[in-house]
Amino acid sequence: MKKFVFTYHGSWPTAPTQEMMDAWTNWFGSIADHLVDAGNPLGPGREVTTTGSQDLTPEMAPATGYSIVSADNMDDAVKLLADCPIVDSVRVYEAMSM
């Protein structure tokens, strides 16, 4: 199986509701056999380039969390998101072997 990284994007309300937290807990339970690392929410971030750095702003659609899953291929990884309580979007990346 290959590994895939999900990055979650979008704004959370200041305090997630119990309903939101239950939806995430239920979804993680439904894909438990594929979870490598359930991940964590992400706090403020900074983009670093060769010309300097800048804080990430909401307009830049920064990642707000991540998870790592195992799946046979990209299509199967994407299928795991069918019941995900997506905030705004989820980006899926294959973790390539080095």
Protein backbone atom coordinates (compact mmCIF):
# COMPACT_ATOMS: atom_id res chain seq x y z
CA MET A 1 0.00 0.00 0.00
CA LYS A 2 1.05 3.56 -0.63
CA LYS A 3 0.84 6.46 1.80
CA PHE A 4 -1.18 9.60 1.11
CA VAL A 5 -1.25 12.88 2.99
CA PHE A 6 -4.55 14.71 3.40
CA THR A 7 -4.26 18.43 4.11
CA TYR A 8 -7.44 20.09 5.31
CA HIS A 9 -8.14 23.69 4.34
CA GLY A 10 -10.69 26.17 5.61
CA SER A 11 -11.61 28.22 8.65
CA TRP A 12 -12.88 26.68 11.85
CA PRO A 13 -15.28 28.61 14.00
CA THR A 14 -13.66 29.85 17.18
CA ALA A 15 -15.11 26.88 19.04
CA PRO A 16 -16.07 23.77 17.04
CA THR A 17 -19.47 22.43 18.06
CA GLN A 18 -19.94 19.00 19.57
CA GLU A 19 -21.76 18.02 16.37
CA MET A 20 -18.67 18.94 14.31
CA MET A 21 -16.34 17.05 16.63
CA ASP A 22 -18.63 13.99 16.55
CA ALA A 23 -18.68 14.09 12.73
CA TRP A 24 -14.86 14.04 12.63
CA THR A 25 -14.65 11.26 15.24
CA ASN A 26 -17.17 9.16 13.32
CA TRP A 27 -15.36 9.71 10.02
CA PHE A 28 -11.96 8.79 11.51
CA GLY A 29 -13.60 5.65 12.90
CA SER A 30 -14.94 4.74 9.47
CA ILE A 31 -11.45 4.87 7.89
CA ALA A 32 -9.54 3.47 10.89
CA ASP A 33 -8.13 0.55 8.86
CA HIS A 34 -6.42 3.06 6.55
CA LEU A 35 -5.11 5.55 9.13
CA VAL A 36 -1.34 5.72 9.45
CA ASP A 37 -1.46 8.98 11.46
CA ALA A 38 -4.77 10.69 12.26
CA GLY A 39 -2.79 13.94 12.39
CA ASN A 40 -3.58 17.13 14.21
CA PRO A 41 -5.01 20.58 13.62
CA LEU A 42 -2.40 23.08 12.46
CA GLY A 43 -1.87 26.53 13.93
CA PRO A 44 -0.56 29.68 12.29
CA GLY A 45 1.96 29.09 9.51
CA ARG A 46 4.63 30.88 7.55
CA GLU A 47 5.69 30.55 3.92
CA VAL A 48 9.45 30.63 3.36
CA THR A 49 10.96 31.29 -0.07
CA THR A 50 14.41 32.20 -1.32
CA THR A 51 13.41 35.87 -1.15
CA GLY A 52 12.09 35.90 2.43
CA SER A 53 9.13 34.76 4.46
CA GLN A 54 5.59 35.84 5.25
CA ASP A 55 2.84 34.73 7.61
CA LEU A 56 0.11 32.68 5.95
CA THR A 57 -3.22 34.49 5.85
CA PRO A 58 -6.73 33.09 5.36
CA GLU A 59 -6.68 34.41 1.79
CA MET A 60 -3.74 32.07 1.07
CA ALA A 61 -5.88 29.01 2.01
CA PRO A 62 -3.35 27.59 4.46
CA ALA A 63 -3.61 24.02 5.68
CA THR A 64 -5.56 23.76 8.95
CA GLY A 65 -4.80 20.10 9.63
CA TYR A 66 -3.42 16.88 8.18
CA SER A 67 -3.78 13.10 8.24
CA ILE A 68 -1.77 10.28 6.68
CA VAL A 69 -3.59 7.28 5.24
CA SER A 70 -2.70 4.13 3.33
CA ALA A 71 -4.41 3.18 0.09
CA ASP A 72 -3.61 1.27 -3.09
CA ASN A 73 -3.74 4.35 -5.30
CA MET A 74 -4.86 7.99 -5.50
CA ASP A 75 -8.43 7.10 -6.47
CA ASP A 76 -8.79 4.82 -3.44
CA ALA A 77 -7.34 7.53 -1.18
CA VAL A 78 -9.85 10.05 -2.54
CA LYS A 79 -12.71 7.58 -1.94
CA LEU A 80 -11.83 7.62 1.78
CA LEU A 81 -13.00 11.25 1.83
CA ALA A 82 -16.56 10.35 0.79
CA ASP A 83 -18.01 10.97 4.27
CA CYS A 84 -15.35 13.40 5.52
CA PRO A 85 -16.79 16.50 7.22
CA ILE A 86 -14.69 18.72 4.92
CA VAL A 87 -14.32 22.30 6.13
CA ASP A 88 -13.65 23.92 2.73
CA SER A 89 -11.41 21.45 0.89
CA VAL A 90 -8.99 18.58 1.30
CA ARG A 91 -5.85 18.24 -0.81
CA VAL A 92 -4.48 14.75 -1.34
CA TYR A 93 -0.79 14.07 -1.96
CA GLU A 94 0.96 10.77 -2.53
CA ALA A 95 3.94 10.39 -0.18
CA MET A 96 6.68 9.30 -2.57
CA SER A 97 9.39 6.84 -1.54
CA MET A 98 12.94 8.11 -1.57
